[in-house]
Amino acid sequence: MTSETELKIQKSQLSTLELIHHFREKCKICGHHRIMHDGLGKCEGVMNKPCNSGCDLFESE
């Protein structure tokens, strides 16, 4: 992690645990974790396998 990213996290007052919980949330459309989705919400799949659900928007379970 870069020092710039670390500083942004510290300024946000989010704990590492809160960030982990955020990215572990699953999408109710495709079932993949939030971290598998890009910045626009499109699912990029897991373990170098594309998502075949057509999920273009992350929606939390």
Protein backbone atom coordinates (compact mmCIF):
# COMPACT_ATOMS: atom_id res chain seq x y z
CA MET A 1 0.00 0.00 0.00
CA THR A 2 1.35 3.40 -0.86
CA SER A 3 1.76 6.04 1.82
CA GLU A 4 -0.76 8.17 -0.10
CA THR A 5 -3.39 5.42 0.17
CA GLU A 6 -2.57 4.90 3.85
CA LEU A 7 -3.02 8.63 4.49
CA LYS A 8 -6.42 8.62 2.75
CA ILE A 9 -7.54 5.73 4.96
CA GLN A 10 -6.34 7.51 8.09
CA LYS A 11 -8.10 10.75 7.09
CA SER A 12 -11.34 8.87 6.48
CA GLN A 13 -11.23 7.52 10.04
CA LEU A 14 -12.16 4.05 8.75
CA SER A 15 -10.50 1.13 10.46
CA THR A 16 -8.92 -1.70 8.52
CA LEU A 17 -11.63 -3.98 9.89
CA GLU A 18 -14.36 -1.68 8.50
CA LEU A 19 -12.68 -1.69 5.08
CA ILE A 20 -12.40 -5.48 5.11
CA HIS A 21 -16.09 -5.84 5.99
CA HIS A 22 -16.99 -3.40 3.21
CA PHE A 23 -15.10 -5.35 0.54
CA ARG A 24 -16.31 -8.74 1.80
CA GLU A 25 -19.95 -7.80 1.17
CA LYS A 26 -21.45 -10.01 -1.50
CA CYS A 27 -23.48 -8.88 -4.48
CA LYS A 28 -27.01 -10.25 -4.54
CA ILE A 29 -26.95 -10.25 -8.36
CA CYS A 30 -23.84 -12.39 -8.97
CA GLY A 31 -22.80 -13.54 -5.50
CA HIS A 32 -19.24 -12.22 -5.81
CA HIS A 33 -17.61 -9.98 -3.21
CA ARG A 34 -17.53 -6.22 -3.75
CA ILE A 35 -13.76 -6.42 -4.29
CA MET A 36 -14.40 -8.43 -7.49
CA HIS A 37 -16.27 -5.43 -8.98
CA ASP A 38 -14.57 -2.50 -10.66
CA GLY A 39 -15.11 1.16 -9.78
CA LEU A 40 -18.25 1.30 -11.93
CA GLY A 41 -19.78 -1.79 -10.31
CA LYS A 42 -19.18 -4.24 -13.18
CA CYS A 43 -18.17 -7.68 -11.91
CA GLU A 44 -14.75 -8.78 -13.16
CA GLY A 45 -15.10 -12.32 -11.80
CA VAL A 46 -12.85 -14.32 -9.52
CA MET A 47 -9.47 -16.04 -9.87
CA ASN A 48 -8.98 -14.78 -13.46
CA LYS A 49 -12.36 -16.19 -14.52
CA PRO A 50 -14.84 -13.68 -15.92
CA CYS A 51 -18.27 -13.30 -14.35
CA ASN A 52 -20.93 -14.76 -16.63
CA SER A 53 -23.89 -13.32 -14.72
CA GLY A 54 -23.96 -10.09 -16.71
CA CYS A 55 -23.65 -8.17 -13.44
CA ASP A 56 -22.99 -4.53 -14.31
CA LEU A 57 -23.95 -3.01 -10.95
CA PHE A 58 -22.94 -4.12 -7.47
CA GLU A 59 -26.00 -4.55 -5.26
CA SER A 60 -25.28 -5.58 -1.69
CA GLU A 61 -27.04 -8.67 -0.30
